[in-house]
Every structure is written in C-alpha cells, then in structure tokens.
C-alpha cells in the first residue's frame, strides 16, 4: 500500500510505502522506515531513530491504476494501523493484467 504525499504535476505522483506483517495482507499496515544496515521498522508514529528514514518515492501517473482506496484506521494495543477492505482489493484486482 502507498500513501500519496504529493502530485507535483500532471505526470508524477510522490508517495511513501506502507507494509504489513499480517498473513491475510488486509490489516496491520504501517509506514515503512528503512536503514542502510538494519531491519526495516513499520510504524505510523514519528520514528526518531538514527539512520532510519521513510523515503519518498515517485512514479509516473501513467504507470498506475488510479483507483483511490481509503483504508480504515484502527488502533491495536494503543498503536495506529490501517486495514483494507476485501471488496476494495477485489475491485482493483479486476484491472490486473498479466
């Protein structure tokens, strides 16, 4: 899952990656923070650990299926996560080619 951070022009979209460790791949999405030599950390809180960053990536809009899905936000053990609905995933996958 990605969260759009900006659309600087008609051709480019900038975003951050979100990932989950959940087996069903529908719950537990959190922002990905990476480190050059350590394991990635998934959190939706601001991470202030030396060497970790949440990179902003960019992609051409023509390379995307531009279906907007608004994930549901929820808390688990006091931590904020996001989940996707199965119907939304099925709707997007019907455009999958290949």
C-alpha atoms as a PDB file:
ATOM      1  CA  UNK A   1       0.000   0.000   0.000  1.00  0.00           C
ATOM      2  CA  UNK A   2       1.183   3.536  -0.625  1.00  0.00           C
ATOM      3  CA  UNK A   3       0.136   6.912   0.701  1.00  0.00           C
ATOM      4  CA  UNK A   4       0.332   9.786  -1.755  1.00  0.00           C
ATOM      5  CA  UNK A   5       2.417  12.664  -0.416  1.00  0.00           C
ATOM      6  CA  UNK A   6       2.090  14.969  -3.429  1.00  0.00           C
ATOM      7  CA  UNK A   7       1.268  15.209  -7.114  1.00  0.00           C
ATOM      8  CA  UNK A   8       3.729  17.877  -8.261  1.00  0.00           C
ATOM      9  CA  UNK A   9       2.480  17.897 -11.868  1.00  0.00           C
ATOM     10  CA  UNK A  10       0.210  16.031 -14.316  1.00  0.00           C
ATOM     11  CA  UNK A  11       2.780  13.275 -14.845  1.00  0.00           C
ATOM     12  CA  UNK A  12       4.300  12.410 -11.443  1.00  0.00           C
ATOM     13  CA  UNK A  13       2.970  11.093  -8.149  1.00  0.00           C
ATOM     14  CA  UNK A  14       5.100  11.032  -4.964  1.00  0.00           C
ATOM     15  CA  UNK A  15       4.373   8.534  -2.183  1.00  0.00           C
ATOM     16  CA  UNK A  16       5.525   6.622   0.905  1.00  0.00           C
ATOM     17  CA  UNK A  17       5.321   2.837   1.215  1.00  0.00           C
ATOM     18  CA  UNK A  18       3.213   1.100   3.856  1.00  0.00           C
ATOM     19  CA  UNK A  19       3.600  -2.615   4.599  1.00  0.00           C
ATOM     20  CA  UNK A  20       2.087  -5.273   6.845  1.00  0.00           C
ATOM     21  CA  UNK A  21       3.243  -8.432   8.559  1.00  0.00           C
ATOM     22  CA  UNK A  22      -0.281  -9.838   8.667  1.00  0.00           C
ATOM     23  CA  UNK A  23      -0.782 -13.164   6.876  1.00  0.00           C
ATOM     24  CA  UNK A  24      -4.085 -12.067   5.354  1.00  0.00           C
ATOM     25  CA  UNK A  25      -2.428  -8.908   3.965  1.00  0.00           C
ATOM     26  CA  UNK A  26      -5.521  -6.799   4.735  1.00  0.00           C
ATOM     27  CA  UNK A  27      -4.666  -5.461   8.203  1.00  0.00           C
ATOM     28  CA  UNK A  28      -1.740  -4.031  10.125  1.00  0.00           C
ATOM     29  CA  UNK A  29      -0.453  -1.580   7.519  1.00  0.00           C
ATOM     30  CA  UNK A  30       2.144   0.847   8.826  1.00  0.00           C
ATOM     31  CA  UNK A  31       4.653   3.241   7.282  1.00  0.00           C
ATOM     32  CA  UNK A  32       7.972   1.688   6.232  1.00  0.00           C
ATOM     33  CA  UNK A  33      11.160   3.134   7.710  1.00  0.00           C
ATOM     34  CA  UNK A  34      14.403   1.726   6.315  1.00  0.00           C
ATOM     35  CA  UNK A  35      18.013   1.734   7.474  1.00  0.00           C
ATOM     36  CA  UNK A  36      21.153   1.097   5.476  1.00  0.00           C
ATOM     37  CA  UNK A  37      22.180  -1.923   7.577  1.00  0.00           C
ATOM     38  CA  UNK A  38      19.289  -2.683   9.963  1.00  0.00           C
ATOM     39  CA  UNK A  39      15.840  -4.305   9.583  1.00  0.00           C
ATOM     40  CA  UNK A  40      13.031  -2.084   8.408  1.00  0.00           C
ATOM     41  CA  UNK A  41      10.600  -0.787  11.019  1.00  0.00           C
ATOM     42  CA  UNK A  42       6.850  -0.469  10.448  1.00  0.00           C
ATOM     43  CA  UNK A  43       5.196   2.292  12.454  1.00  0.00           C
ATOM     44  CA  UNK A  44       2.645   5.058  11.995  1.00  0.00           C
ATOM     45  CA  UNK A  45       4.234   7.094  14.753  1.00  0.00           C
ATOM     46  CA  UNK A  46       7.062   9.508  14.005  1.00  0.00           C
ATOM     47  CA  UNK A  47      10.279   7.456  14.181  1.00  0.00           C
ATOM     48  CA  UNK A  48      13.258   9.322  15.605  1.00  0.00           C
ATOM     49  CA  UNK A  49      15.891   6.568  15.417  1.00  0.00           C
ATOM     50  CA  UNK A  50      19.309   7.424  13.964  1.00  0.00           C
ATOM     51  CA  UNK A  51      19.792   6.206  10.405  1.00  0.00           C
ATOM     52  CA  UNK A  52      16.122   5.357   9.753  1.00  0.00           C
ATOM     53  CA  UNK A  53      14.088   7.200   7.132  1.00  0.00           C
ATOM     54  CA  UNK A  54      10.821   6.899   5.302  1.00  0.00           C
ATOM     55  CA  UNK A  55      11.760   7.592   1.728  1.00  0.00           C
ATOM     56  CA  UNK A  56       9.525   9.466  -0.636  1.00  0.00           C
ATOM     57  CA  UNK A  57       9.335   7.660  -3.973  1.00  0.00           C
ATOM     58  CA  UNK A  58       7.928   8.866  -7.258  1.00  0.00           C
ATOM     59  CA  UNK A  59       6.241   7.160 -10.169  1.00  0.00           C
ATOM     60  CA  UNK A  60       4.752   8.250 -13.464  1.00  0.00           C
ATOM     61  CA  UNK A  61       0.966   8.529 -13.231  1.00  0.00           C
ATOM     62  CA  UNK A  62       0.660   6.526 -16.461  1.00  0.00           C
ATOM     63  CA  UNK A  63       2.204   3.524 -14.651  1.00  0.00           C
ATOM     64  CA  UNK A  64      -0.564   3.341 -12.039  1.00  0.00           C
ATOM     65  CA  UNK A  65      -4.052   2.023 -11.703  1.00  0.00           C
ATOM     66  CA  UNK A  66      -5.518   5.223 -10.305  1.00  0.00           C
ATOM     67  CA  UNK A  67      -8.265   3.718  -8.173  1.00  0.00           C
ATOM     68  CA  UNK A  68      -8.452   5.543  -4.860  1.00  0.00           C
ATOM     69  CA  UNK A  69      -8.914   3.302  -1.838  1.00  0.00           C
ATOM     70  CA  UNK A  70      -9.360   4.903   1.548  1.00  0.00           C
ATOM     71  CA  UNK A  71      -8.116   2.462   4.206  1.00  0.00           C
ATOM     72  CA  UNK A  72      -9.828   2.200   7.579  1.00  0.00           C
ATOM     73  CA  UNK A  73      -7.750   3.446  10.502  1.00  0.00           C
ATOM     74  CA  UNK A  74      -7.825   1.449  13.743  1.00  0.00           C
ATOM     75  CA  UNK A  75      -5.841   1.027  16.959  1.00  0.00           C
ATOM     76  CA  UNK A  76      -4.362  -2.215  18.286  1.00  0.00           C
ATOM     77  CA  UNK A  77      -2.611  -2.207  21.657  1.00  0.00           C
ATOM     78  CA  UNK A  78      -2.535   1.593  21.505  1.00  0.00           C
ATOM     79  CA  UNK A  79      -0.780   1.702  18.119  1.00  0.00           C
ATOM     80  CA  UNK A  80      -2.381   3.116  14.970  1.00  0.00           C
ATOM     81  CA  UNK A  81      -2.711   0.852  11.910  1.00  0.00           C
ATOM     82  CA  UNK A  82      -4.706   0.734   8.675  1.00  0.00           C
ATOM     83  CA  UNK A  83      -6.716  -2.043   7.071  1.00  0.00           C
ATOM     84  CA  UNK A  84      -8.059  -2.629   3.594  1.00  0.00           C
ATOM     85  CA  UNK A  85     -11.485  -3.992   2.730  1.00  0.00           C
ATOM     86  CA  UNK A  86     -11.676  -7.175   0.665  1.00  0.00           C
ATOM     87  CA  UNK A  87     -14.219  -5.607  -1.705  1.00  0.00           C
ATOM     88  CA  UNK A  88     -11.811  -2.740  -2.499  1.00  0.00           C
ATOM     89  CA  UNK A  89      -8.981  -5.190  -3.228  1.00  0.00           C
ATOM     90  CA  UNK A  90     -11.197  -7.315  -5.477  1.00  0.00           C
ATOM     91  CA  UNK A  91     -12.289  -4.192  -7.354  1.00  0.00           C
ATOM     92  CA  UNK A  92      -8.670  -3.153  -8.036  1.00  0.00           C
ATOM     93  CA  UNK A  93      -7.513  -6.650  -8.975  1.00  0.00           C
ATOM     94  CA  UNK A  94     -10.038  -6.920 -11.763  1.00  0.00           C
ATOM     95  CA  UNK A  95      -7.823  -4.401 -13.652  1.00  0.00           C
ATOM     96  CA  UNK A  96      -4.708  -6.568 -13.195  1.00  0.00           C
ATOM     97  CA  UNK A  97      -3.145  -7.587 -16.489  1.00  0.00           C
ATOM     98  CA  UNK A  98      -0.734 -10.481 -16.795  1.00  0.00           C
END
